[in-house]
Each structure stands twice: as C-alpha cells, then as structure tokens.
Amino acid sequence: MNVLNVWASTLMQTSFFRLLFVLALSIVVLMQSPIRAAELNPTVFVDIRSINPRIALDIRYGTRNNFVKETLYPQARCILRASTARQLSQVQTDLETRGLGLKVYDCYRPLSVQKRLWQIKPDERYVANPTYGSRHNRGAAVDLTLVDRTGKELPMPTGFDDFTERSSRSYTNLPAQVLKNRQLLEDAMVRAGFIPLSTEWWHFDGKDWQNFSVRDVAFGAIASPPLNNSAPK
C-alpha cells in the first residue's frame, strides 16, 4: 500500500512539473512572437517591430541626422496606432514578393517635438502647425522609402526632409528610374490604403488618421518588443 502511495505521489508531482514547464514555454514563445495587429484595439500605440520586425528603421529624429541637427527622440523607435501598423505590415509583405522592402524615417511624433520643429521651420508645406497637430502627432503617418533585398535604398528624388520643389510628387525633371521608384513606393502604399502627401514623396497618412487625437505620449510609456524579436537572418 505504501509503495502504491509513493508511486501515485511521484506521478502527480511529475505531471504537475511537466504542466508547469509547458505553460512556461508557451509564455516565452508568445513573448517572443510578433503581435498580431488584427487582435489589437486599432487605437493603441504599438512598436512596429512588434508587428513586423522585417521593416528597416532609420529614425532620423532619434539621431542628429536630420534638418534640425538635434536628437529629438529619446529612443529611435517607430511607434504607430495599431491599425496604421497593420497597413504598413501589409505593404512590407507585398514588397517582399518583389525583392523589396521598406525603410522608415519617422512615425509617431510627440506634440512637444512638433512644436520644436515648427519653431525652426514654420512652413505648413513641410511642417504641420502644432496648434492643430499633424498626422504624425496622431500616430497615423509614416515617412519612408524603398530598399532592395540587401537593405540598400533605391534612388529617390531627394533625401528625407528636403524642403525643395524636388520633393513634390508633381516634380518630374528627374531620371526615369527615380520616377519609377517614386511611383512604385506610392502605388504600394496606396494599395494598402495610405494617403500620399503631395509635397513630400516620403510621407503617407494612414487611411483612418482622422479617428485619432493628437497626443504627447513619451516613448518610454509605450511597450517595446523583446530584444530578440528581430528579423530572421
């Protein structure tokens, strides 16, 4: 009888620890997997690397490599509303079938940063008046370009934040390949529902931007993806 009790007790303990192991493993897998944007409230802020880690980032305002020559963001992150992030992920997936991808320059921009940009460049063709806020301040706009499968940027009319007529979508005095690349980017974004800005070839608004309010949320208050949640090699 004692032998049976010991055997039953050991079996129960083994099953219990096995269950704990399975649960722990499941939690780890979930933490390390990209979030499904479709499962999120479309209004929440998300880090794009939690949605699609294959999108390349070059967040200019997180460095001094921008027109104000100041580091304006404490972290070089692309943060968007979940619905806009889902749109952007669709574009990346579509481009990958052609051996191309996206590189993002800017996403959500806190209102306090918008005010700083307006101090330096109070021109509504290029910088939104912070009195009303921009699509970036709503987390529903992206500035980006195209890259090939090696991560090299495709030739475009200008660099990012070029405040000349060459940045306009109507400017056509450009090499044929540059015009083709600009149109390719625009077509890919429009197919996913983005709205292009006429004065900046790199700027696109999410289709539901008007549903979101202007915010001044600190980057640190928005969850980051796990450190090992990176693009596959």
C-alpha atoms as a PDB file:
ATOM      1  CA  MET A   1       0.000   0.000   0.000  1.00  0.00           C
ATOM      2  CA  ASN A   2       2.827   2.389   0.851  1.00  0.00           C
ATOM      3  CA  VAL A   3       4.531   1.601  -2.455  1.00  0.00           C
ATOM      4  CA  LEU A   4       1.364   2.484  -4.342  1.00  0.00           C
ATOM      5  CA  ASN A   5       1.039   5.762  -2.449  1.00  0.00           C
ATOM      6  CA  VAL A   6       4.635   6.705  -3.238  1.00  0.00           C
ATOM      7  CA  TRP A   7       4.177   5.804  -6.897  1.00  0.00           C
ATOM      8  CA  ALA A   8       0.958   7.856  -7.157  1.00  0.00           C
ATOM      9  CA  SER A   9       2.560  10.820  -5.405  1.00  0.00           C
ATOM     10  CA  THR A  10       5.586  10.724  -7.728  1.00  0.00           C
ATOM     11  CA  LEU A  11       3.356  10.529 -10.797  1.00  0.00           C
ATOM     12  CA  MET A  12       1.311  13.519  -9.650  1.00  0.00           C
ATOM     13  CA  GLN A  13       4.441  15.568  -8.979  1.00  0.00           C
ATOM     14  CA  THR A  14       5.902  14.662 -12.376  1.00  0.00           C
ATOM     15  CA  SER A  15       2.696  15.599 -14.180  1.00  0.00           C
ATOM     16  CA  PHE A  16       2.487  18.858 -12.257  1.00  0.00           C
ATOM     17  CA  PHE A  17       6.036  19.927 -13.129  1.00  0.00           C
ATOM     18  CA  ARG A  18       5.531  18.859 -16.726  1.00  0.00           C
ATOM     19  CA  LEU A  19       2.463  21.090 -16.904  1.00  0.00           C
ATOM     20  CA  LEU A  20       4.392  23.988 -15.393  1.00  0.00           C
ATOM     21  CA  PHE A  21       7.137  23.530 -17.990  1.00  0.00           C
ATOM     22  CA  VAL A  22       4.654  23.542 -20.870  1.00  0.00           C
ATOM     23  CA  LEU A  23       2.975  26.684 -19.554  1.00  0.00           C
ATOM     24  CA  ALA A  24       6.283  28.467 -19.076  1.00  0.00           C
ATOM     25  CA  LEU A  25       7.413  27.518 -22.579  1.00  0.00           C
ATOM     26  CA  SER A  26       4.164  28.784 -24.061  1.00  0.00           C
ATOM     27  CA  ILE A  27       4.565  32.144 -22.329  1.00  0.00           C
ATOM     28  CA  VAL A  28       8.118  32.514 -23.636  1.00  0.00           C
ATOM     29  CA  VAL A  29       7.026  31.738 -27.200  1.00  0.00           C
ATOM     30  CA  LEU A  30       4.202  34.253 -27.030  1.00  0.00           C
ATOM     31  CA  MET A  31       6.502  36.948 -25.673  1.00  0.00           C
ATOM     32  CA  GLN A  32       8.994  36.405 -28.471  1.00  0.00           C
ATOM     33  CA  SER A  33       6.478  36.272 -31.331  1.00  0.00           C
ATOM     34  CA  PRO A  34       5.305  39.349 -33.260  1.00  0.00           C
ATOM     35  CA  ILE A  35       1.956  40.676 -32.106  1.00  0.00           C
ATOM     36  CA  ARG A  36      -0.964  40.202 -34.449  1.00  0.00           C
ATOM     37  CA  ALA A  37      -2.111  43.772 -35.088  1.00  0.00           C
ATOM     38  CA  ALA A  38      -5.558  42.497 -36.047  1.00  0.00           C
ATOM     39  CA  GLU A  39      -6.014  41.318 -32.449  1.00  0.00           C
ATOM     40  CA  LEU A  40      -5.278  44.779 -31.031  1.00  0.00           C
ATOM     41  CA  ASN A  41      -7.537  47.740 -30.448  1.00  0.00           C
ATOM     42  CA  PRO A  42      -6.810  49.871 -33.562  1.00  0.00           C
ATOM     43  CA  THR A  43      -6.309  52.988 -31.411  1.00  0.00           C
ATOM     44  CA  VAL A  44      -3.495  51.674 -29.199  1.00  0.00           C
ATOM     45  CA  PHE A  45       0.119  52.663 -29.786  1.00  0.00           C
ATOM     46  CA  VAL A  46       2.416  49.816 -30.813  1.00  0.00           C
ATOM     47  CA  ASP A  47       6.069  49.473 -31.753  1.00  0.00           C
ATOM     48  CA  ILE A  48       6.270  48.430 -35.408  1.00  0.00           C
ATOM     49  CA  ARG A  49       8.891  45.805 -34.556  1.00  0.00           C
ATOM     50  CA  SER A  50       6.231  44.031 -32.506  1.00  0.00           C
ATOM     51  CA  ILE A  51       4.081  43.833 -35.641  1.00  0.00           C
ATOM     52  CA  ASN A  52       6.611  43.291 -38.422  1.00  0.00           C
ATOM     53  CA  PRO A  53      10.305  43.173 -37.425  1.00  0.00           C
ATOM     54  CA  ARG A  54      11.378  42.908 -41.073  1.00  0.00           C
ATOM     55  CA  ILE A  55      10.704  46.609 -41.691  1.00  0.00           C
ATOM     56  CA  ALA A  56      14.012  48.500 -41.633  1.00  0.00           C
ATOM     57  CA  LEU A  57      14.345  51.563 -39.414  1.00  0.00           C
ATOM     58  CA  ASP A  58      16.354  54.767 -39.774  1.00  0.00           C
ATOM     59  CA  ILE A  59      14.528  57.016 -37.311  1.00  0.00           C
ATOM     60  CA  ARG A  60      16.154  60.344 -38.085  1.00  0.00           C
ATOM     61  CA  TYR A  61      14.792  62.331 -35.142  1.00  0.00           C
ATOM     62  CA  GLY A  62      16.269  59.711 -32.837  1.00  0.00           C
ATOM     63  CA  THR A  63      19.683  60.893 -34.106  1.00  0.00           C
ATOM     64  CA  ARG A  64      21.307  64.167 -35.156  1.00  0.00           C
ATOM     65  CA  ASN A  65      20.977  63.170 -38.814  1.00  0.00           C
ATOM     66  CA  ASN A  66      18.018  65.463 -39.542  1.00  0.00           C
ATOM     67  CA  PHE A  67      17.385  69.016 -40.686  1.00  0.00           C
ATOM     68  CA  VAL A  68      17.474  70.475 -37.154  1.00  0.00           C
ATOM     69  CA  LYS A  69      20.725  68.641 -36.309  1.00  0.00           C
ATOM     70  CA  GLU A  70      19.297  67.688 -32.900  1.00  0.00           C
ATOM     71  CA  THR A  71      18.351  64.385 -31.291  1.00  0.00           C
ATOM     72  CA  LEU A  72      14.657  64.944 -30.626  1.00  0.00           C
ATOM     73  CA  TYR A  73      13.561  61.432 -29.612  1.00  0.00           C
ATOM     74  CA  PRO A  74      15.000  59.630 -26.566  1.00  0.00           C
ATOM     75  CA  GLN A  75      14.697  56.345 -28.482  1.00  0.00           C
ATOM     76  CA  ALA A  76      14.947  55.589 -32.206  1.00  0.00           C
ATOM     77  CA  ARG A  77      11.623  53.746 -32.482  1.00  0.00           C
ATOM     78  CA  CYS A  78       8.749  53.579 -34.962  1.00  0.00           C
ATOM     79  CA  ILE A  79       5.535  53.813 -32.974  1.00  0.00           C
ATOM     80  CA  LEU A  80       2.138  53.810 -34.671  1.00  0.00           C
ATOM     81  CA  ARG A  81      -1.524  53.217 -33.975  1.00  0.00           C
ATOM     82  CA  ALA A  82      -2.231  49.513 -34.349  1.00  0.00           C
ATOM     83  CA  SER A  83      -4.410  49.970 -37.440  1.00  0.00           C
ATOM     84  CA  THR A  84      -1.714  52.009 -39.204  1.00  0.00           C
ATOM     85  CA  ALA A  85       0.925  49.478 -38.204  1.00  0.00           C
ATOM     86  CA  ARG A  86      -1.222  46.751 -39.748  1.00  0.00           C
ATOM     87  CA  GLN A  87      -1.409  48.729 -43.006  1.00  0.00           C
ATOM     88  CA  LEU A  88       2.358  49.177 -43.040  1.00  0.00           C
ATOM     89  CA  SER A  89       2.957  45.487 -42.427  1.00  0.00           C
ATOM     90  CA  GLN A  90       0.771  44.702 -45.449  1.00  0.00           C
ATOM     91  CA  VAL A  91       2.941  46.948 -47.623  1.00  0.00           C
ATOM     92  CA  GLN A  92       6.122  45.231 -46.423  1.00  0.00           C
ATOM     93  CA  THR A  93       4.685  41.788 -47.150  1.00  0.00           C
ATOM     94  CA  ASP A  94       3.609  42.899 -50.628  1.00  0.00           C
ATOM     95  CA  LEU A  95       7.022  44.391 -51.452  1.00  0.00           C
ATOM     96  CA  GLU A  96       8.884  41.305 -50.279  1.00  0.00           C
ATOM     97  CA  THR A  97       7.372  39.338 -53.167  1.00  0.00           C
ATOM     98  CA  ARG A  98       9.363  41.669 -55.458  1.00  0.00           C
ATOM     99  CA  GLY A  99      12.598  41.502 -53.506  1.00  0.00           C
ATOM    100  CA  LEU A 100      11.994  44.924 -51.946  1.00  0.00           C
ATOM    101  CA  GLY A 101      11.147  46.332 -48.533  1.00  0.00           C
ATOM    102  CA  LEU A 102      10.537  49.479 -46.514  1.00  0.00           C
ATOM    103  CA  LYS A 103      12.880  51.699 -44.542  1.00  0.00           C
ATOM    104  CA  VAL A 104      11.118  54.064 -42.145  1.00  0.00           C
ATOM    105  CA  TYR A 105      12.388  57.544 -41.233  1.00  0.00           C
ATOM    106  CA  ASP A 106       9.620  58.704 -38.888  1.00  0.00           C
ATOM    107  CA  CYS A 107       6.353  57.515 -37.368  1.00  0.00           C
ATOM    108  CA  TYR A 108       4.614  58.819 -34.237  1.00  0.00           C
ATOM    109  CA  ARG A 109       5.933  62.231 -33.227  1.00  0.00           C
ATOM    110  CA  PRO A 110       5.032  63.650 -29.808  1.00  0.00           C
ATOM    111  CA  LEU A 111       3.382  67.075 -29.919  1.00  0.00           C
ATOM    112  CA  SER A 112       6.244  68.612 -27.930  1.00  0.00           C
ATOM    113  CA  VAL A 113       8.628  67.647 -30.756  1.00  0.00           C
ATOM    114  CA  GLN A 114       6.225  69.104 -33.318  1.00  0.00           C
ATOM    115  CA  LYS A 115       6.425  72.431 -31.520  1.00  0.00           C
ATOM    116  CA  ARG A 116      10.219  72.355 -31.725  1.00  0.00           C
ATOM    117  CA  LEU A 117      10.130  71.645 -35.482  1.00  0.00           C
ATOM    118  CA  TRP A 118       7.650  74.471 -36.014  1.00  0.00           C
ATOM    119  CA  GLN A 119       9.975  76.893 -34.242  1.00  0.00           C
ATOM    120  CA  ILE A 120      12.672  76.064 -36.784  1.00  0.00           C
ATOM    121  CA  LYS A 121      10.590  75.577 -39.955  1.00  0.00           C
ATOM    122  CA  PRO A 122       7.177  77.336 -39.697  1.00  0.00           C
ATOM    123  CA  ASP A 123       6.131  76.338 -43.213  1.00  0.00           C
ATOM    124  CA  GLU A 124       2.938  74.294 -43.458  1.00  0.00           C
ATOM    125  CA  ARG A 125       4.013  72.762 -46.750  1.00  0.00           C
ATOM    126  CA  TYR A 126       6.543  70.712 -44.792  1.00  0.00           C
ATOM    127  CA  VAL A 127       5.825  71.038 -41.046  1.00  0.00           C
ATOM    128  CA  ALA A 128       2.320  70.959 -39.578  1.00  0.00           C
ATOM    129  CA  ASN A 129       1.293  73.785 -37.273  1.00  0.00           C
ATOM    130  CA  PRO A 130       1.287  72.321 -33.725  1.00  0.00           C
ATOM    131  CA  THR A 131      -1.802  74.372 -32.934  1.00  0.00           C
ATOM    132  CA  TYR A 132      -3.737  71.800 -34.947  1.00  0.00           C
ATOM    133  CA  GLY A 133      -1.246  68.938 -34.821  1.00  0.00           C
ATOM    134  CA  SER A 134      -0.060  66.654 -37.573  1.00  0.00           C
ATOM    135  CA  ARG A 135      -0.891  63.133 -38.644  1.00  0.00           C
ATOM    136  CA  HIS A 136       2.434  62.158 -37.093  1.00  0.00           C
ATOM    137  CA  ASN A 137       1.219  63.517 -33.726  1.00  0.00           C
ATOM    138  CA  ARG A 138      -1.708  61.132 -34.018  1.00  0.00           C
ATOM    139  CA  GLY A 139       0.486  58.105 -34.662  1.00  0.00           C
ATOM    140  CA  ALA A 140      -1.113  57.694 -38.087  1.00  0.00           C
ATOM    141  CA  ALA A 141       1.570  58.831 -40.543  1.00  0.00           C
ATOM    142  CA  VAL A 142       4.880  57.445 -41.774  1.00  0.00           C
ATOM    143  CA  ASP A 143       7.885  58.828 -43.612  1.00  0.00           C
ATOM    144  CA  LEU A 144       9.744  56.143 -45.539  1.00  0.00           C
ATOM    145  CA  THR A 145      11.497  54.890 -48.641  1.00  0.00           C
ATOM    146  CA  LEU A 146      12.204  51.666 -50.535  1.00  0.00           C
ATOM    147  CA  VAL A 147      15.165  49.323 -50.085  1.00  0.00           C
ATOM    148  CA  ASP A 148      16.323  46.300 -52.055  1.00  0.00           C
ATOM    149  CA  ARG A 149      16.842  42.841 -50.565  1.00  0.00           C
ATOM    150  CA  THR A 150      20.300  43.888 -49.270  1.00  0.00           C
ATOM    151  CA  GLY A 151      18.891  46.905 -47.445  1.00  0.00           C
ATOM    152  CA  LYS A 152      20.222  49.459 -49.934  1.00  0.00           C
ATOM    153  CA  GLU A 153      17.947  52.425 -50.558  1.00  0.00           C
ATOM    154  CA  LEU A 154      16.530  52.818 -54.048  1.00  0.00           C
ATOM    155  CA  PRO A 155      17.279  56.174 -55.751  1.00  0.00           C
ATOM    156  CA  MET A 156      14.570  58.729 -54.973  1.00  0.00           C
ATOM    157  CA  PRO A 157      14.077  62.403 -55.950  1.00  0.00           C
ATOM    158  CA  THR A 158      15.697  63.745 -52.755  1.00  0.00           C
ATOM    159  CA  GLY A 159      16.847  62.703 -49.342  1.00  0.00           C
ATOM    160  CA  PHE A 160      14.485  62.781 -46.356  1.00  0.00           C
ATOM    161  CA  ASP A 161      13.228  66.235 -45.268  1.00  0.00           C
ATOM    162  CA  ASP A 162      14.412  68.024 -48.383  1.00  0.00           C
ATOM    163  CA  PHE A 163      12.453  71.262 -48.472  1.00  0.00           C
ATOM    164  CA  THR A 164      12.743  71.964 -52.191  1.00  0.00           C
ATOM    165  CA  GLU A 165      10.438  71.552 -55.161  1.00  0.00           C
ATOM    166  CA  ARG A 166      12.164  68.253 -55.978  1.00  0.00           C
ATOM    167  CA  SER A 167      10.405  66.633 -53.011  1.00  0.00           C
ATOM    168  CA  SER A 168       6.975  67.301 -54.550  1.00  0.00           C
ATOM    169  CA  ARG A 169       5.157  64.416 -56.209  1.00  0.00           C
ATOM    170  CA  SER A 170       4.404  66.668 -59.167  1.00  0.00           C
ATOM    171  CA  TYR A 171       8.091  67.326 -59.876  1.00  0.00           C
ATOM    172  CA  THR A 172       9.111  65.360 -62.963  1.00  0.00           C
ATOM    173  CA  ASN A 173      12.511  66.691 -64.045  1.00  0.00           C
ATOM    174  CA  LEU A 174      14.144  63.537 -62.736  1.00  0.00           C
ATOM    175  CA  PRO A 175      15.840  60.410 -64.132  1.00  0.00           C
ATOM    176  CA  ALA A 176      13.421  57.777 -65.405  1.00  0.00           C
ATOM    177  CA  GLN A 177      14.473  55.230 -62.771  1.00  0.00           C
ATOM    178  CA  VAL A 178      13.906  57.735 -59.954  1.00  0.00           C
ATOM    179  CA  LEU A 179      10.418  58.489 -61.253  1.00  0.00           C
ATOM    180  CA  LYS A 180       9.736  54.758 -61.463  1.00  0.00           C
ATOM    181  CA  ASN A 181      10.913  54.187 -57.886  1.00  0.00           C
ATOM    182  CA  ARG A 182       8.833  57.058 -56.525  1.00  0.00           C
ATOM    183  CA  GLN A 183       5.742  55.702 -58.272  1.00  0.00           C
ATOM    184  CA  LEU A 184       6.455  52.166 -57.095  1.00  0.00           C
ATOM    185  CA  LEU A 185       6.521  53.332 -53.481  1.00  0.00           C
ATOM    186  CA  GLU A 186       3.362  55.368 -53.889  1.00  0.00           C
ATOM    187  CA  ASP A 187       1.474  52.530 -55.600  1.00  0.00           C
ATOM    188  CA  ALA A 188       2.446  50.045 -52.890  1.00  0.00           C
ATOM    189  CA  MET A 189       1.338  52.383 -50.108  1.00  0.00           C
ATOM    190  CA  VAL A 190      -1.920  53.386 -51.788  1.00  0.00           C
ATOM    191  CA  ARG A 191      -2.852  49.721 -52.328  1.00  0.00           C
ATOM    192  CA  ALA A 192      -2.756  49.270 -48.546  1.00  0.00           C
ATOM    193  CA  GLY A 193      -4.939  52.337 -48.019  1.00  0.00           C
ATOM    194  CA  PHE A 194      -2.331  55.015 -47.289  1.00  0.00           C
ATOM    195  CA  ILE A 195      -2.840  58.590 -48.485  1.00  0.00           C
ATOM    196  CA  PRO A 196       0.209  60.296 -50.072  1.00  0.00           C
ATOM    197  CA  LEU A 197       1.147  63.884 -49.194  1.00  0.00           C
ATOM    198  CA  SER A 198       1.581  65.959 -52.358  1.00  0.00           C
ATOM    199  CA  THR A 199       4.587  67.987 -51.179  1.00  0.00           C
ATOM    200  CA  GLU A 200       6.703  65.117 -49.788  1.00  0.00           C
ATOM    201  CA  TRP A 201       7.325  61.909 -51.718  1.00  0.00           C
ATOM    202  CA  TRP A 202       8.240  60.082 -48.482  1.00  0.00           C
ATOM    203  CA  HIS A 203       5.132  60.984 -46.428  1.00  0.00           C
ATOM    204  CA  PHE A 204       1.959  58.874 -46.204  1.00  0.00           C
ATOM    205  CA  ASP A 205      -1.071  59.137 -43.899  1.00  0.00           C
ATOM    206  CA  GLY A 206      -2.997  56.170 -42.546  1.00  0.00           C
ATOM    207  CA  LYS A 207      -6.483  55.835 -44.012  1.00  0.00           C
ATOM    208  CA  ASP A 208      -8.171  56.385 -40.624  1.00  0.00           C
ATOM    209  CA  TRP A 209      -5.902  59.134 -39.264  1.00  0.00           C
ATOM    210  CA  GLN A 210      -8.865  61.427 -38.567  1.00  0.00           C
ATOM    211  CA  ASN A 211     -10.153  58.951 -35.964  1.00  0.00           C
ATOM    212  CA  PHE A 212      -7.158  59.579 -33.699  1.00  0.00           C
ATOM    213  CA  SER A 213      -6.427  62.513 -31.422  1.00  0.00           C
ATOM    214  CA  VAL A 214      -3.188  64.465 -31.171  1.00  0.00           C
ATOM    215  CA  ARG A 215      -1.043  63.028 -28.380  1.00  0.00           C
ATOM    216  CA  ASP A 216       2.119  63.897 -26.477  1.00  0.00           C
ATOM    217  CA  VAL A 217       2.924  60.474 -25.038  1.00  0.00           C
ATOM    218  CA  ALA A 218       6.518  59.756 -24.019  1.00  0.00           C
ATOM    219  CA  PHE A 219       8.203  56.952 -25.951  1.00  0.00           C
ATOM    220  CA  GLY A 220       9.107  55.237 -22.692  1.00  0.00           C
ATOM    221  CA  ALA A 221       5.422  54.840 -21.843  1.00  0.00           C
ATOM    222  CA  ILE A 222       4.863  52.648 -24.911  1.00  0.00           C
ATOM    223  CA  ALA A 223       5.835  48.972 -24.653  1.00  0.00           C
ATOM    224  CA  SER A 224       8.921  47.795 -26.518  1.00  0.00           C
ATOM    225  CA  PRO A 225       9.202  44.374 -28.184  1.00  0.00           C
ATOM    226  CA  PRO A 226      11.568  41.772 -26.663  1.00  0.00           C
ATOM    227  CA  LEU A 227      15.218  42.434 -27.506  1.00  0.00           C
ATOM    228  CA  ASN A 228      15.496  39.207 -29.510  1.00  0.00           C
ATOM    229  CA  ASN A 229      12.394  39.940 -31.579  1.00  0.00           C
ATOM    230  CA  SER A 230      14.396  40.743 -34.689  1.00  0.00           C
ATOM    231  CA  ALA A 231      14.172  39.999 -38.359  1.00  0.00           C
ATOM    232  CA  PRO A 232      15.070  36.474 -39.431  1.00  0.00           C
ATOM    233  CA  LYS A 233      18.636  36.065 -40.730  1.00  0.00           C
END
